[in-house]
Amino acid sequence: MKNFKNSFKISGYVGFSEVRALTNKCVCRFSLSVAKFDKTTNERTSAYLNAEAWADKEESLEAFKTLAKGSIVTIEGSFKPEEWTDKNEQKNNRVVLVAKKFYPVEEIESAEEKE
């Protein structure tokens, strides 16, 4: 079997953001809104992705400020598949983006601003 890197880098708006404290670590679970604009139809399609970031308890307050609702961030990390069985014995699955790095989006000059 070939080896490959399970990684991503994506930017979007933070939707909800929730921090939970565990014994030694804190986790911030948040949604990230991403969109694509179709020039031919002039329509924008958006989707929310589930993401989480981990930090030591001492660092979490400062670290997770970047992940406040409405912030525009770039996150880098890996995909984590999750599976569970609900109360009706139905099997479910989803993919969560685990953010190893997260930071505010750097502004990029558009072609119009350069002229």
C-alpha atoms as a PDB file:
ATOM      1  CA  MET A   1       0.000   0.000   0.000  1.00  0.00           C
ATOM      2  CA  LYS A   2       1.281   3.460  -0.889  1.00  0.00           C
ATOM      3  CA  ASN A   3       1.840   6.041   1.808  1.00  0.00           C
ATOM      4  CA  PHE A   4       0.231   9.443   1.485  1.00  0.00           C
ATOM      5  CA  LYS A   5      -0.141  12.484   3.665  1.00  0.00           C
ATOM      6  CA  ASN A   6      -3.524  13.092   5.317  1.00  0.00           C
ATOM      7  CA  SER A   7      -3.512  16.898   5.400  1.00  0.00           C
ATOM      8  CA  PHE A   8      -5.384  20.050   4.431  1.00  0.00           C
ATOM      9  CA  LYS A   9      -5.117  23.845   4.468  1.00  0.00           C
ATOM     10  CA  ILE A  10      -8.365  25.798   4.211  1.00  0.00           C
ATOM     11  CA  SER A  11      -9.720  29.264   4.996  1.00  0.00           C
ATOM     12  CA  GLY A  12     -13.219  30.308   5.999  1.00  0.00           C
ATOM     13  CA  TYR A  13     -15.461  31.977   8.557  1.00  0.00           C
ATOM     14  CA  VAL A  14     -15.864  30.463  12.032  1.00  0.00           C
ATOM     15  CA  GLY A  15     -19.521  29.643  12.738  1.00  0.00           C
ATOM     16  CA  PHE A  16     -20.212  28.345  16.220  1.00  0.00           C
ATOM     17  CA  SER A  17     -17.286  27.862  18.589  1.00  0.00           C
ATOM     18  CA  GLU A  18     -17.338  25.864  21.834  1.00  0.00           C
ATOM     19  CA  VAL A  19     -14.440  25.247  24.244  1.00  0.00           C
ATOM     20  CA  ARG A  20     -14.429  22.291  26.642  1.00  0.00           C
ATOM     21  CA  ALA A  21     -11.886  21.697  29.383  1.00  0.00           C
ATOM     22  CA  LEU A  22     -10.687  18.161  29.969  1.00  0.00           C
ATOM     23  CA  THR A  23      -8.176  16.945  32.578  1.00  0.00           C
ATOM     24  CA  ASN A  24      -4.967  18.266  30.996  1.00  0.00           C
ATOM     25  CA  LYS A  25      -6.139  19.685  27.675  1.00  0.00           C
ATOM     26  CA  CYS A  26      -8.872  21.824  26.178  1.00  0.00           C
ATOM     27  CA  VAL A  27     -10.662  21.252  22.914  1.00  0.00           C
ATOM     28  CA  CYS A  28     -12.325  23.903  20.783  1.00  0.00           C
ATOM     29  CA  ARG A  29     -14.980  22.453  18.494  1.00  0.00           C
ATOM     30  CA  PHE A  30     -16.110  24.849  15.799  1.00  0.00           C
ATOM     31  CA  SER A  31     -17.689  25.030  12.379  1.00  0.00           C
ATOM     32  CA  LEU A  32     -15.934  26.561   9.399  1.00  0.00           C
ATOM     33  CA  SER A  33     -17.982  28.075   6.595  1.00  0.00           C
ATOM     34  CA  VAL A  34     -16.432  27.697   3.166  1.00  0.00           C
ATOM     35  CA  ALA A  35     -17.874  28.962  -0.106  1.00  0.00           C
ATOM     36  CA  LYS A  36     -17.389  28.746  -3.832  1.00  0.00           C
ATOM     37  CA  PHE A  37     -18.533  31.400  -6.269  1.00  0.00           C
ATOM     38  CA  ASP A  38     -19.694  30.225  -9.707  1.00  0.00           C
ATOM     39  CA  LYS A  39     -19.012  32.990 -12.256  1.00  0.00           C
ATOM     40  CA  THR A  40     -21.276  31.461 -14.895  1.00  0.00           C
ATOM     41  CA  THR A  41     -24.408  31.447 -12.702  1.00  0.00           C
ATOM     42  CA  ASN A  42     -23.408  34.288 -10.334  1.00  0.00           C
ATOM     43  CA  GLU A  43     -24.272  32.037  -7.394  1.00  0.00           C
ATOM     44  CA  ARG A  44     -22.401  31.302  -4.211  1.00  0.00           C
ATOM     45  CA  THR A  45     -22.571  27.838  -2.645  1.00  0.00           C
ATOM     46  CA  SER A  46     -21.631  27.513   1.027  1.00  0.00           C
ATOM     47  CA  ALA A  47     -21.094  24.604   3.399  1.00  0.00           C
ATOM     48  CA  TYR A  48     -20.161  24.233   7.059  1.00  0.00           C
ATOM     49  CA  LEU A  49     -17.358  21.847   7.996  1.00  0.00           C
ATOM     50  CA  ASN A  50     -16.857  20.358  11.479  1.00  0.00           C
ATOM     51  CA  ALA A  51     -13.454  21.119  12.984  1.00  0.00           C
ATOM     52  CA  GLU A  52     -11.632  20.853  16.296  1.00  0.00           C
ATOM     53  CA  ALA A  53      -8.397  22.156  17.782  1.00  0.00           C
ATOM     54  CA  TRP A  54      -6.563  21.000  20.907  1.00  0.00           C
ATOM     55  CA  ALA A  55      -4.340  22.926  23.329  1.00  0.00           C
ATOM     56  CA  ASP A  56      -2.863  22.564  26.791  1.00  0.00           C
ATOM     57  CA  LYS A  57      -5.120  24.042  29.479  1.00  0.00           C
ATOM     58  CA  GLU A  58      -2.696  26.885  30.257  1.00  0.00           C
ATOM     59  CA  GLU A  59      -2.478  27.941  26.586  1.00  0.00           C
ATOM     60  CA  SER A  60      -6.090  27.443  25.553  1.00  0.00           C
ATOM     61  CA  LEU A  61      -7.591  30.839  26.451  1.00  0.00           C
ATOM     62  CA  GLU A  62      -5.041  32.722  24.377  1.00  0.00           C
ATOM     63  CA  ALA A  63      -4.820  30.126  21.605  1.00  0.00           C
ATOM     64  CA  PHE A  64      -8.557  29.822  20.996  1.00  0.00           C
ATOM     65  CA  LYS A  65      -9.192  33.610  20.739  1.00  0.00           C
ATOM     66  CA  THR A  66      -8.508  33.247  16.998  1.00  0.00           C
ATOM     67  CA  LEU A  67     -11.415  30.787  16.723  1.00  0.00           C
ATOM     68  CA  ALA A  68     -14.157  33.182  17.856  1.00  0.00           C
ATOM     69  CA  LYS A  69     -17.463  33.212  15.973  1.00  0.00           C
ATOM     70  CA  GLY A  70     -17.260  35.421  12.865  1.00  0.00           C
ATOM     71  CA  SER A  71     -13.459  35.309  12.598  1.00  0.00           C
ATOM     72  CA  ILE A  72     -11.882  34.583   9.233  1.00  0.00           C
ATOM     73  CA  VAL A  73      -9.174  31.979   9.748  1.00  0.00           C
ATOM     74  CA  THR A  74      -6.902  29.587   7.950  1.00  0.00           C
ATOM     75  CA  ILE A  75      -6.554  26.155   9.497  1.00  0.00           C
ATOM     76  CA  GLU A  76      -4.042  23.434   8.688  1.00  0.00           C
ATOM     77  CA  GLY A  77      -4.234  19.874   9.902  1.00  0.00           C
ATOM     78  CA  SER A  78      -5.513  16.388   9.165  1.00  0.00           C
ATOM     79  CA  PHE A  79      -8.812  14.604   8.593  1.00  0.00           C
ATOM     80  CA  LYS A  80     -10.228  12.379  11.363  1.00  0.00           C
ATOM     81  CA  PRO A  81     -12.959   9.880  10.471  1.00  0.00           C
ATOM     82  CA  GLU A  82     -15.497   9.205  13.235  1.00  0.00           C
ATOM     83  CA  GLU A  83     -18.053   6.399  13.451  1.00  0.00           C
ATOM     84  CA  TRP A  84     -20.836   5.808  15.983  1.00  0.00           C
ATOM     85  CA  THR A  85     -24.121   3.959  16.424  1.00  0.00           C
ATOM     86  CA  ASP A  86     -27.125   6.027  17.492  1.00  0.00           C
ATOM     87  CA  LYS A  87     -29.935   5.006  19.841  1.00  0.00           C
ATOM     88  CA  ASN A  88     -31.852   3.445  16.906  1.00  0.00           C
ATOM     89  CA  GLU A  89     -28.850   1.179  16.143  1.00  0.00           C
ATOM     90  CA  GLN A  90     -28.202   3.202  12.969  1.00  0.00           C
ATOM     91  CA  LYS A  91     -24.520   3.479  12.029  1.00  0.00           C
ATOM     92  CA  ASN A  92     -23.292   7.009  11.323  1.00  0.00           C
ATOM     93  CA  ASN A  93     -20.020   8.529  10.222  1.00  0.00           C
ATOM     94  CA  ARG A  94     -18.481  11.885   9.518  1.00  0.00           C
ATOM     95  CA  VAL A  95     -15.109  13.469   8.914  1.00  0.00           C
ATOM     96  CA  VAL A  96     -13.766  16.087  11.334  1.00  0.00           C
ATOM     97  CA  LEU A  97     -10.983  18.499  10.429  1.00  0.00           C
ATOM     98  CA  VAL A  98      -8.390  18.454  13.216  1.00  0.00           C
ATOM     99  CA  ALA A  99      -6.598  21.819  13.191  1.00  0.00           C
ATOM    100  CA  LYS A 100      -2.915  21.579  14.105  1.00  0.00           C
ATOM    101  CA  LYS A 101      -2.334  25.247  13.161  1.00  0.00           C
ATOM    102  CA  PHE A 102      -4.838  28.094  12.978  1.00  0.00           C
ATOM    103  CA  TYR A 103      -4.279  31.766  12.305  1.00  0.00           C
ATOM    104  CA  PRO A 104      -6.067  34.856  10.926  1.00  0.00           C
ATOM    105  CA  VAL A 105      -6.341  35.000   7.130  1.00  0.00           C
ATOM    106  CA  GLU A 106      -3.775  37.242   5.515  1.00  0.00           C
ATOM    107  CA  GLU A 107      -5.333  39.759   3.164  1.00  0.00           C
ATOM    108  CA  ILE A 108      -4.442  39.265  -0.496  1.00  0.00           C
ATOM    109  CA  GLU A 109      -4.538  42.143  -2.932  1.00  0.00           C
ATOM    110  CA  SER A 110      -6.947  41.567  -5.809  1.00  0.00           C
ATOM    111  CA  ALA A 111      -5.901  42.264  -9.401  1.00  0.00           C
ATOM    112  CA  GLU A 112      -8.161  45.370  -9.417  1.00  0.00           C
ATOM    113  CA  GLU A 113      -6.383  46.886  -6.380  1.00  0.00           C
ATOM    114  CA  LYS A 114      -2.970  46.495  -8.006  1.00  0.00           C
ATOM    115  CA  GLU A 115      -3.897  48.640 -11.040  1.00  0.00           C
END
